[in-house]
C-alpha atoms as a PDB file:
ATOM      1  CA  MET A   1       4.805   6.517  -6.727  1.00  0.00           C
ATOM      2  CA  PRO A   2       6.599   5.233  -3.238  1.00  0.00           C
ATOM      3  CA  GLY A   3      10.248   6.247  -3.265  1.00  0.00           C
ATOM      4  CA  PRO A   4      13.291   5.222  -5.121  1.00  0.00           C
ATOM      5  CA  TRP A   5      14.066   2.756  -1.499  1.00  0.00           C
ATOM      6  CA  PHE A   6      10.782   0.434  -2.395  1.00  0.00           C
ATOM      7  CA  GLN A   7      11.162   0.324  -6.278  1.00  0.00           C
ATOM      8  CA  ALA A   8      14.679  -0.762  -5.662  1.00  0.00           C
ATOM      9  CA  LEU A   9      13.711  -3.830  -3.582  1.00  0.00           C
ATOM     10  CA  PRO A  10      12.901  -7.428  -5.173  1.00  0.00           C
ATOM     11  CA  PRO A  11       9.597  -7.541  -5.984  1.00  0.00           C
ATOM     12  CA  ILE A  12       8.908 -10.351  -3.748  1.00  0.00           C
ATOM     13  CA  ALA A  13       9.721  -8.186  -0.797  1.00  0.00           C
ATOM     14  CA  GLN A  14       7.586  -5.034  -2.499  1.00  0.00           C
ATOM     15  CA  ALA A  15       4.643  -7.578  -2.097  1.00  0.00           C
ATOM     16  CA  ALA A  16       5.199  -8.438   1.044  1.00  0.00           C
ATOM     17  CA  LEU A  17       4.840  -5.108   2.198  1.00  0.00           C
ATOM     18  CA  ALA A  18       1.955  -4.542  -0.091  1.00  0.00           C
ATOM     19  CA  GLY A  19       0.798  -7.401   2.113  1.00  0.00           C
ATOM     20  CA  ALA A  20       1.244  -6.144   5.067  1.00  0.00           C
ATOM     21  CA  LEU A  21       0.051  -2.846   4.747  1.00  0.00           C
ATOM     22  CA  THR A  22      -3.102  -4.203   4.126  1.00  0.00           C
ATOM     23  CA  TRP A  23      -2.902  -6.480   6.807  1.00  0.00           C
ATOM     24  CA  LEU A  24      -2.586  -2.993   8.803  1.00  0.00           C
ATOM     25  CA  LEU A  25      -5.352  -1.754   7.917  1.00  0.00           C
ATOM     26  CA  THR A  26      -7.650  -4.474   8.348  1.00  0.00           C
ATOM     27  CA  ALA A  27      -6.013  -3.990  11.900  1.00  0.00           C
ATOM     28  CA  VAL A  28      -7.465  -0.384  11.784  1.00  0.00           C
ATOM     29  CA  GLY A  29     -10.803  -1.417  10.801  1.00  0.00           C
ATOM     30  CA  ALA A  30     -10.719  -4.308  13.628  1.00  0.00           C
ATOM     31  CA  ALA A  31      -9.851  -1.164  16.208  1.00  0.00           C
ATOM     32  CA  VAL A  32     -13.662   0.341  16.353  1.00  0.00           C
ATOM     33  CA  VAL A  33     -14.480  -2.816  18.682  1.00  0.00           C
ATOM     34  CA  CYS A  34     -12.297  -0.812  21.036  1.00  0.00           C
ATOM     35  CA  THR A  35     -14.548   2.198  21.203  1.00  0.00           C
ATOM     36  CA  ARG A  36     -17.757   0.443  20.649  1.00  0.00           C
ATOM     37  CA  GLN A  37     -19.936  -2.228  20.898  1.00  0.00           C
ATOM     38  CA  ARG A  38     -22.324  -2.558  18.220  1.00  0.00           C
ATOM     39  CA  LEU A  39     -21.848  -1.391  14.486  1.00  0.00           C
ATOM     40  CA  GLY A  40     -25.179  -0.785  12.789  1.00  0.00           C
ATOM     41  CA  ALA A  41     -26.691  -3.876  10.429  1.00  0.00           C
ATOM     42  CA  ARG A  42     -27.237  -1.953   7.537  1.00  0.00           C
ATOM     43  CA  ALA A  43     -23.974   0.307   7.982  1.00  0.00           C
ATOM     44  CA  LEU A  44     -22.042  -2.827   8.256  1.00  0.00           C
ATOM     45  CA  ASP A  45     -23.717  -4.604   5.771  1.00  0.00           C
ATOM     46  CA  ALA A  46     -22.504  -1.399   3.084  1.00  0.00           C
ATOM     47  CA  MET A  47     -18.971  -1.864   4.355  1.00  0.00           C
ATOM     48  CA  LEU A  48     -19.136  -5.234   3.262  1.00  0.00           C
ATOM     49  CA  GLY A  49     -20.766  -4.173  -0.346  1.00  0.00           C
ATOM     50  CA  PHE A  50     -18.409  -1.531  -0.582  1.00  0.00           C
ATOM     51  CA  ALA A  51     -15.480  -4.745  -0.203  1.00  0.00           C
ATOM     52  CA  ALA A  52     -17.245  -7.118  -2.820  1.00  0.00           C
ATOM     53  CA  GLY A  53     -17.297  -3.689  -5.256  1.00  0.00           C
ATOM     54  CA  VAL A  54     -14.038  -3.105  -4.815  1.00  0.00           C
ATOM     55  CA  MET A  55     -12.605  -6.896  -5.265  1.00  0.00           C
ATOM     56  CA  LEU A  56     -15.056  -7.514  -8.414  1.00  0.00           C
ATOM     57  CA  ALA A  57     -13.041  -4.044 -10.019  1.00  0.00           C
ATOM     58  CA  ALA A  58     -10.066  -5.679  -9.418  1.00  0.00           C
ATOM     59  CA  SER A  59     -10.589  -8.820 -10.401  1.00  0.00           C
ATOM     60  CA  ILE A  60     -11.840  -7.388 -13.993  1.00  0.00           C
ATOM     61  CA  TRP A  61      -9.107  -4.564 -14.352  1.00  0.00           C
ATOM     62  CA  SER A  62      -6.229  -5.734 -12.258  1.00  0.00           C
ATOM     63  CA  LEU A  63      -5.970  -9.261 -13.274  1.00  0.00           C
ATOM     64  CA  LEU A  64      -8.184 -10.125 -15.962  1.00  0.00           C
ATOM     65  CA  ALA A  65      -8.350  -7.618 -18.756  1.00  0.00           C
ATOM     66  CA  PRO A  66      -4.556  -7.945 -18.379  1.00  0.00           C
ATOM     67  CA  ALA A  67      -4.417 -11.112 -18.716  1.00  0.00           C
ATOM     68  CA  LEU A  68      -6.648 -11.248 -21.481  1.00  0.00           C
ATOM     69  CA  ARG A  69      -4.603  -8.259 -23.671  1.00  0.00           C
ATOM     70  CA  LEU A  70      -1.462 -10.915 -23.278  1.00  0.00           C
ATOM     71  CA  ALA A  71      -3.129 -13.680 -24.083  1.00  0.00           C
ATOM     72  CA  ALA A  72      -4.347 -11.556 -27.436  1.00  0.00           C
ATOM     73  CA  ALA A  73      -0.683 -11.279 -27.781  1.00  0.00           C
ATOM     74  CA  GLY A  74       1.059 -14.825 -27.703  1.00  0.00           C
ATOM     75  CA  ALA A  75       1.956 -14.688 -24.232  1.00  0.00           C
ATOM     76  CA  GLY A  76       2.579 -18.062 -22.974  1.00  0.00           C
ATOM     77  CA  GLY A  77      -0.649 -20.531 -22.471  1.00  0.00           C
ATOM     78  CA  GLY A  78      -2.239 -19.243 -25.609  1.00  0.00           C
ATOM     79  CA  ARG A  79      -5.666 -17.011 -26.182  1.00  0.00           C
ATOM     80  CA  GLY A  80      -7.548 -19.508 -23.425  1.00  0.00           C
ATOM     81  CA  ALA A  81      -4.516 -19.445 -20.742  1.00  0.00           C
ATOM     82  CA  PRO A  82      -6.580 -16.844 -18.440  1.00  0.00           C
ATOM     83  CA  LEU A  83      -9.976 -18.321 -18.554  1.00  0.00           C
ATOM     84  CA  VAL A  84      -8.269 -21.912 -17.787  1.00  0.00           C
ATOM     85  CA  GLY A  85      -6.439 -20.039 -15.028  1.00  0.00           C
ATOM     86  CA  PHE A  86      -9.850 -18.306 -14.015  1.00  0.00           C
ATOM     87  CA  LEU A  87     -11.485 -21.513 -13.574  1.00  0.00           C
ATOM     88  CA  ILE A  88      -8.716 -23.522 -11.517  1.00  0.00           C
ATOM     89  CA  GLY A  89      -8.857 -20.853  -9.405  1.00  0.00           C
ATOM     90  CA  LEU A  90     -12.719 -21.131  -8.566  1.00  0.00           C
ATOM     91  CA  LEU A  91     -12.068 -25.122  -8.140  1.00  0.00           C
ATOM     92  CA  ALA A  92      -9.255 -24.092  -5.722  1.00  0.00           C
ATOM     93  CA  LEU A  93     -11.058 -22.026  -3.866  1.00  0.00           C
ATOM     94  CA  ARG A  94     -14.138 -24.721  -3.632  1.00  0.00           C
ATOM     95  CA  GLY A  95     -11.728 -27.282  -2.592  1.00  0.00           C
ATOM     96  CA  ILE A  96     -10.698 -25.341   0.403  1.00  0.00           C
ATOM     97  CA  ASP A  97     -14.010 -24.193   1.125  1.00  0.00           C
ATOM     98  CA  ARG A  98     -15.256 -27.700   1.179  1.00  0.00           C
ATOM     99  CA  LEU A  99     -12.472 -29.055   3.314  1.00  0.00           C
ATOM    100  CA  LEU A 100     -11.374 -26.385   5.445  1.00  0.00           C
ATOM    101  CA  PRO A 101     -13.777 -25.886   8.837  1.00  0.00           C
ATOM    102  CA  HIS A 102     -14.803 -22.118   9.415  1.00  0.00           C
ATOM    103  CA  LEU A 103     -18.362 -20.016   9.127  1.00  0.00           C
ATOM    104  CA  HIS A 104     -19.978 -17.508   7.385  1.00  0.00           C
ATOM    105  CA  GLY A 105     -21.986 -15.251   8.932  1.00  0.00           C
ATOM    106  CA  ASP A 106     -22.326 -14.469  12.703  1.00  0.00           C
ATOM    107  CA  VAL A 107     -20.986 -16.264  15.520  1.00  0.00           C
ATOM    108  CA  SER A 108     -23.821 -17.149  16.927  1.00  0.00           C
ATOM    109  CA  GLY A 109     -26.376 -17.873  14.045  1.00  0.00           C
ATOM    110  CA  GLY A 110     -24.052 -18.314  11.117  1.00  0.00           C
ATOM    111  CA  HIS A 111     -23.874 -21.545   9.010  1.00  0.00           C
ATOM    112  CA  LEU A 112     -20.698 -24.324   9.397  1.00  0.00           C
ATOM    113  CA  GLU A 113     -19.092 -25.461   6.545  1.00  0.00           C
ATOM    114  CA  GLY A 114     -16.201 -27.979   5.678  1.00  0.00           C
ATOM    115  CA  VAL A 115     -15.000 -30.746   7.441  1.00  0.00           C
ATOM    116  CA  HIS A 116     -16.595 -31.705  10.725  1.00  0.00           C
ATOM    117  CA  THR A 117     -14.881 -30.101  14.256  1.00  0.00           C
ATOM    118  CA  SER A 118     -15.074 -29.344  17.207  1.00  0.00           C
ATOM    119  CA  TRP A 119     -13.206 -25.930  16.905  1.00  0.00           C
ATOM    120  CA  ARG A 120     -14.396 -22.997  18.996  1.00  0.00           C
ATOM    121  CA  ARG A 121     -16.436 -20.836  16.955  1.00  0.00           C
ATOM    122  CA  SER A 122     -14.710 -17.375  17.756  1.00  0.00           C
ATOM    123  CA  THR A 123     -11.990 -19.954  15.612  1.00  0.00           C
ATOM    124  CA  LEU A 124     -14.309 -20.581  13.025  1.00  0.00           C
ATOM    125  CA  LEU A 125     -15.555 -17.254  12.072  1.00  0.00           C
ATOM    126  CA  LEU A 126     -11.802 -16.227  12.106  1.00  0.00           C
ATOM    127  CA  THR A 127     -10.972 -18.893   9.971  1.00  0.00           C
ATOM    128  CA  ALA A 128     -13.542 -17.845   7.680  1.00  0.00           C
ATOM    129  CA  ILE A 129     -11.998 -14.762   7.255  1.00  0.00           C
ATOM    130  CA  THR A 130      -8.767 -15.848   6.601  1.00  0.00           C
ATOM    131  CA  LEU A 131     -10.075 -17.660   3.839  1.00  0.00           C
ATOM    132  CA  HIS A 132     -10.949 -14.489   2.144  1.00  0.00           C
ATOM    133  CA  HIS A 133      -7.266 -13.300   2.210  1.00  0.00           C
ATOM    134  CA  ILE A 134      -5.467 -15.494   0.435  1.00  0.00           C
ATOM    135  CA  PRO A 135      -6.902 -14.272  -2.492  1.00  0.00           C
ATOM    136  CA  GLU A 136      -5.819 -11.161  -2.043  1.00  0.00           C
ATOM    137  CA  GLY A 137      -2.679 -11.468  -0.993  1.00  0.00           C
ATOM    138  CA  LEU A 138      -2.181 -13.840  -3.962  1.00  0.00           C
ATOM    139  CA  ALA A 139      -3.669 -11.245  -6.256  1.00  0.00           C
ATOM    140  CA  LEU A 140      -1.152  -8.604  -4.830  1.00  0.00           C
ATOM    141  CA  GLY A 141       1.957 -11.310  -5.385  1.00  0.00           C
ATOM    142  CA  VAL A 142       0.915 -11.905  -8.742  1.00  0.00           C
ATOM    143  CA  ALA A 143       0.720  -7.863  -9.448  1.00  0.00           C
ATOM    144  CA  PHE A 144       4.064  -6.946  -8.523  1.00  0.00           C
ATOM    145  CA  GLY A 145       5.745 -10.328  -9.896  1.00  0.00           C
ATOM    146  CA  ALA A 146       4.194  -9.160 -13.487  1.00  0.00           C
ATOM    147  CA  ALA A 147       5.364  -5.676 -12.927  1.00  0.00           C
ATOM    148  CA  ALA A 148       9.008  -6.870 -12.568  1.00  0.00           C
ATOM    149  CA  LEU A 149       8.789  -9.310 -15.490  1.00  0.00           C
ATOM    150  CA  PRO A 150      10.009  -8.124 -19.073  1.00  0.00           C
ATOM    151  CA  ARG A 151       7.611  -6.121 -21.096  1.00  0.00           C
ATOM    152  CA  THR A 152       7.589  -9.260 -23.810  1.00  0.00           C
ATOM    153  CA  LEU A 153       6.394 -11.397 -20.888  1.00  0.00           C
ATOM    154  CA  ALA A 154       3.685  -8.631 -19.855  1.00  0.00           C
ATOM    155  CA  ASP A 155       2.967  -5.652 -21.623  1.00  0.00           C
ATOM    156  CA  GLY A 156       1.224  -3.460 -19.488  1.00  0.00           C
ATOM    157  CA  ALA A 157       1.971  -4.457 -16.306  1.00  0.00           C
ATOM    158  CA  SER A 158       3.478  -1.989 -13.875  1.00  0.00           C
ATOM    159  CA  LEU A 159       4.274  -0.641 -10.496  1.00  0.00           C
ATOM    160  CA  SER A 160       1.945   1.946 -10.512  1.00  0.00           C
ATOM    161  CA  ALA A 161      -0.818  -0.513 -11.642  1.00  0.00           C
ATOM    162  CA  ALA A 162       0.146  -2.860  -8.374  1.00  0.00           C
ATOM    163  CA  LEU A 163       0.036  -0.009  -6.099  1.00  0.00           C
ATOM    164  CA  ALA A 164      -3.275   0.966  -7.002  1.00  0.00           C
ATOM    165  CA  LEU A 165      -4.360  -2.537  -6.771  1.00  0.00           C
ATOM    166  CA  THR A 166      -2.445  -2.520  -2.764  1.00  0.00           C
ATOM    167  CA  VAL A 167      -4.561   0.764  -2.447  1.00  0.00           C
ATOM    168  CA  GLY A 168      -7.999  -0.588  -3.186  1.00  0.00           C
ATOM    169  CA  LEU A 169      -7.478  -3.956  -1.363  1.00  0.00           C
ATOM    170  CA  GLY A 170      -6.089  -2.437   1.457  1.00  0.00           C
ATOM    171  CA  VAL A 171      -9.156   0.192   1.614  1.00  0.00           C
ATOM    172  CA  GLN A 172     -11.598  -2.248   1.409  1.00  0.00           C
ATOM    173  CA  ASN A 173      -9.490  -4.682   4.123  1.00  0.00           C
ATOM    174  CA  ILE A 174     -11.132  -2.241   6.791  1.00  0.00           C
ATOM    175  CA  PRO A 175     -14.532  -3.540   6.757  1.00  0.00           C
ATOM    176  CA  GLU A 176     -13.896  -6.881   6.742  1.00  0.00           C
ATOM    177  CA  GLY A 177     -11.577  -6.259  10.225  1.00  0.00           C
ATOM    178  CA  MET A 178     -15.005  -4.862  11.331  1.00  0.00           C
ATOM    179  CA  ALA A 179     -16.865  -7.685   9.832  1.00  0.00           C
ATOM    180  CA  VAL A 180     -14.722 -10.104  12.303  1.00  0.00           C
ATOM    181  CA  ALA A 181     -14.414  -8.165  15.362  1.00  0.00           C
ATOM    182  CA  MET A 182     -17.484  -7.019  15.899  1.00  0.00           C
ATOM    183  CA  PRO A 183     -19.602 -10.421  16.536  1.00  0.00           C
ATOM    184  CA  LEU A 184     -16.789 -11.551  18.550  1.00  0.00           C
ATOM    185  CA  ARG A 185     -17.535  -8.289  20.878  1.00  0.00           C
ATOM    186  CA  ARG A 186     -20.921  -8.845  20.873  1.00  0.00           C
ATOM    187  CA  GLU A 187     -20.956 -12.043  21.968  1.00  0.00           C
ATOM    188  CA  GLY A 188     -19.037 -11.013  24.835  1.00  0.00           C
ATOM    189  CA  MET A 189     -15.203 -11.240  24.048  1.00  0.00           C
ATOM    190  CA  SER A 190     -13.180  -8.513  25.221  1.00  0.00           C
ATOM    191  CA  PRO A 191     -12.536  -5.419  23.138  1.00  0.00           C
ATOM    192  CA  LEU A 192      -8.780  -6.605  23.145  1.00  0.00           C
ATOM    193  CA  ARG A 193      -9.181 -10.327  21.980  1.00  0.00           C
ATOM    194  CA  SER A 194     -12.012  -9.063  19.765  1.00  0.00           C
ATOM    195  CA  PHE A 195      -8.951  -6.762  18.146  1.00  0.00           C
ATOM    196  CA  GLY A 196      -6.216  -9.277  18.148  1.00  0.00           C
ATOM    197  CA  LEU A 197      -8.593 -11.379  16.223  1.00  0.00           C
ATOM    198  CA  GLY A 198      -9.946  -9.456  13.573  1.00  0.00           C
ATOM    199  CA  GLN A 199      -6.628  -8.110  12.636  1.00  0.00           C
ATOM    200  CA  LEU A 200      -5.006 -11.568  12.796  1.00  0.00           C
ATOM    201  CA  SER A 201      -7.190 -12.431   9.791  1.00  0.00           C
ATOM    202  CA  ALA A 202      -5.462 -11.208   7.431  1.00  0.00           C
ATOM    203  CA  ALA A 203      -1.713 -11.829   8.858  1.00  0.00           C
ATOM    204  CA  ILE A 204      -1.693 -14.665   6.277  1.00  0.00           C
ATOM    205  CA  GLU A 205      -1.628 -11.393   3.474  1.00  0.00           C
ATOM    206  CA  PRO A 206       2.109 -11.233   3.069  1.00  0.00           C
ATOM    207  CA  PHE A 207       2.914 -14.026   2.949  1.00  0.00           C
ATOM    208  CA  ALA A 208       0.356 -14.669  -0.046  1.00  0.00           C
ATOM    209  CA  ALA A 209       1.809 -12.129  -2.021  1.00  0.00           C
ATOM    210  CA  ALA A 210       4.998 -13.208  -1.206  1.00  0.00           C
ATOM    211  CA  VAL A 211       4.265 -16.350  -2.792  1.00  0.00           C
ATOM    212  CA  GLY A 212       2.334 -15.232  -5.814  1.00  0.00           C
ATOM    213  CA  ALA A 213       5.294 -12.931  -6.444  1.00  0.00           C
ATOM    214  CA  ALA A 214       7.362 -15.836  -6.534  1.00  0.00           C
ATOM    215  CA  ALA A 215       5.656 -18.436  -8.442  1.00  0.00           C
ATOM    216  CA  VAL A 216       5.063 -15.150 -11.168  1.00  0.00           C
ATOM    217  CA  LEU A 217       8.906 -15.462 -11.585  1.00  0.00           C
ATOM    218  CA  VAL A 218       9.528 -18.393 -11.790  1.00  0.00           C
ATOM    219  CA  ILE A 219       6.191 -19.469 -14.134  1.00  0.00           C
ATOM    220  CA  GLY A 220       7.307 -15.797 -16.173  1.00  0.00           C
ATOM    221  CA  GLY A 221       5.504 -16.589 -19.603  1.00  0.00           C
ATOM    222  CA  LEU A 222       2.340 -18.403 -17.832  1.00  0.00           C
ATOM    223  CA  LEU A 223       1.753 -15.330 -16.557  1.00  0.00           C
ATOM    224  CA  PRO A 224      -2.040 -15.076 -17.662  1.00  0.00           C
ATOM    225  CA  TYR A 225      -2.607 -18.539 -16.013  1.00  0.00           C
ATOM    226  CA  ALA A 226      -1.595 -17.309 -12.293  1.00  0.00           C
ATOM    227  CA  MET A 227      -3.788 -13.858 -13.366  1.00  0.00           C
ATOM    228  CA  GLY A 228      -6.528 -15.851 -14.107  1.00  0.00           C
ATOM    229  CA  PHE A 229      -6.076 -17.847 -11.429  1.00  0.00           C
ATOM    230  CA  ALA A 230      -5.686 -15.103  -8.483  1.00  0.00           C
ATOM    231  CA  ALA A 231      -9.292 -13.554 -10.493  1.00  0.00           C
ATOM    232  CA  GLY A 232     -11.141 -16.804  -9.856  1.00  0.00           C
ATOM    233  CA  ALA A 233     -10.469 -17.413  -6.460  1.00  0.00           C
ATOM    234  CA  MET A 234     -10.871 -13.795  -5.676  1.00  0.00           C
ATOM    235  CA  ILE A 235     -14.716 -14.267  -7.748  1.00  0.00           C
ATOM    236  CA  TYR A 236     -15.919 -17.265  -5.381  1.00  0.00           C
ATOM    237  CA  VAL A 237     -14.836 -15.491  -2.319  1.00  0.00           C
ATOM    238  CA  ILE A 238     -16.456 -12.370  -3.867  1.00  0.00           C
ATOM    239  CA  ALA A 239     -20.136 -14.831  -4.982  1.00  0.00           C
ATOM    240  CA  GLU A 240     -19.878 -16.972  -2.025  1.00  0.00           C
ATOM    241  CA  ALA A 241     -19.174 -15.037   1.027  1.00  0.00           C
ATOM    242  CA  LEU A 242     -19.666 -11.497   0.825  1.00  0.00           C
ATOM    243  CA  LEU A 243     -22.709 -11.074  -1.510  1.00  0.00           C
ATOM    244  CA  PRO A 244     -24.699 -13.762   0.448  1.00  0.00           C
ATOM    245  CA  GLU A 245     -24.043 -12.000   3.683  1.00  0.00           C
ATOM    246  CA  VAL A 246     -24.966  -9.130   2.680  1.00  0.00           C
ATOM    247  CA  ARG A 247     -28.328  -9.539   1.100  1.00  0.00           C
ATOM    248  CA  GLY A 248     -29.281 -11.844   3.740  1.00  0.00           C
ATOM    249  CA  SER A 249     -30.333  -9.268   6.414  1.00  0.00           C
ATOM    250  CA  GLY A 250     -32.719  -7.633   5.375  1.00  0.00           C
ATOM    251  CA  HIS A 251     -30.405  -4.399   3.832  1.00  0.00           C
ATOM    252  CA  SER A 252     -29.829  -5.400  -0.054  1.00  0.00           C
ATOM    253  CA  ASP A 253     -30.586  -1.797  -1.256  1.00  0.00           C
ATOM    254  CA  ALA A 254     -27.369  -0.307   1.245  1.00  0.00           C
ATOM    255  CA  ALA A 255     -25.455  -3.707   0.254  1.00  0.00           C
ATOM    256  CA  THR A 256     -25.939  -2.977  -3.559  1.00  0.00           C
ATOM    257  CA  LEU A 257     -25.318   0.748  -3.849  1.00  0.00           C
ATOM    258  CA  ALA A 258     -22.147   0.625  -1.713  1.00  0.00           C
ATOM    259  CA  THR A 259     -21.031  -2.364  -3.865  1.00  0.00           C
ATOM    260  CA  GLY A 260     -21.857   0.274  -7.362  1.00  0.00           C
ATOM    261  CA  ILE A 261     -19.548   2.617  -5.120  1.00  0.00           C
ATOM    262  CA  GLY A 262     -16.707   0.221  -4.533  1.00  0.00           C
ATOM    263  CA  PHE A 263     -16.024  -0.745  -7.723  1.00  0.00           C
ATOM    264  CA  ALA A 264     -16.570   2.819  -9.210  1.00  0.00           C
ATOM    265  CA  PHE A 265     -13.537   3.121  -6.717  1.00  0.00           C
ATOM    266  CA  MET A 266     -11.513   0.506  -8.125  1.00  0.00           C
ATOM    267  CA  THR A 267     -12.010   1.381 -11.373  1.00  0.00           C
ATOM    268  CA  ALA A 268     -10.970   5.028 -10.909  1.00  0.00           C
ATOM    269  CA  LEU A 269      -7.433   3.513  -8.884  1.00  0.00           C
ATOM    270  CA  SER A 270      -6.830   1.942 -11.193  1.00  0.00           C
ATOM    271  CA  LEU A 271      -7.419   4.932 -14.236  1.00  0.00           C
ATOM    272  CA  TRP A 272      -5.384   7.439 -12.048  1.00  0.00           C
ATOM    273  CA  LEU A 273      -2.591   4.978 -10.523  1.00  0.00           C
ATOM    274  CA  GLY A 274      -2.753   2.166 -13.263  1.00  0.00           C
END
């Protein structure tokens, strides 16, 4: 557990600091481009598979499972609240995905999505990875906001569970930082600029975390909806971006195994810290 100074902070500040930590770890991953220009495709696919496994486990153990327990106990919204929130999260990310110009895959060989634009391909790749970090930040904020609610509204939510989610998402952000910085470096961008854009992709997380925490504190009894929403948004990112990317380059065996390892890692964090 962190020191008393952290526990004494308002939940919105706690969430923002947690988001800042995940941003820092993204920068750690992006910093690899300062020492090497390339990373093997198998290794990169395995790291992205690990990230997908962590996000999947976080969606289940840190968001959906608590939401279902709250709904079963009669929390605001009734038993169907987590499902409704989950579906809204899916649809919200789908809407953003259709409208926001972004690029999936490599800078040179990826496919464009969203409305037509004249943005540079490096900017489109950065936009795609930034989009992936929004649900992560929201999930952090929901967890810290829930920990601050009375137990009658968020039974089972705790600061240690929110910290477990922070550690899990932070660790999986390391390969995500590599995933955006490495393609830029391979395209001839300087190491410093590749690093800058790579770490910038997670700059949204502290703000998204603060918004998520504030929303939970405002809606209070509708927490199952918020947890379901964050889970749905994260599942969309996994299914639409991470898994197709790692299975499309011929290294699905390493990626699949790493996905299982990532899931086990986040499960262990939830058991030991949550």
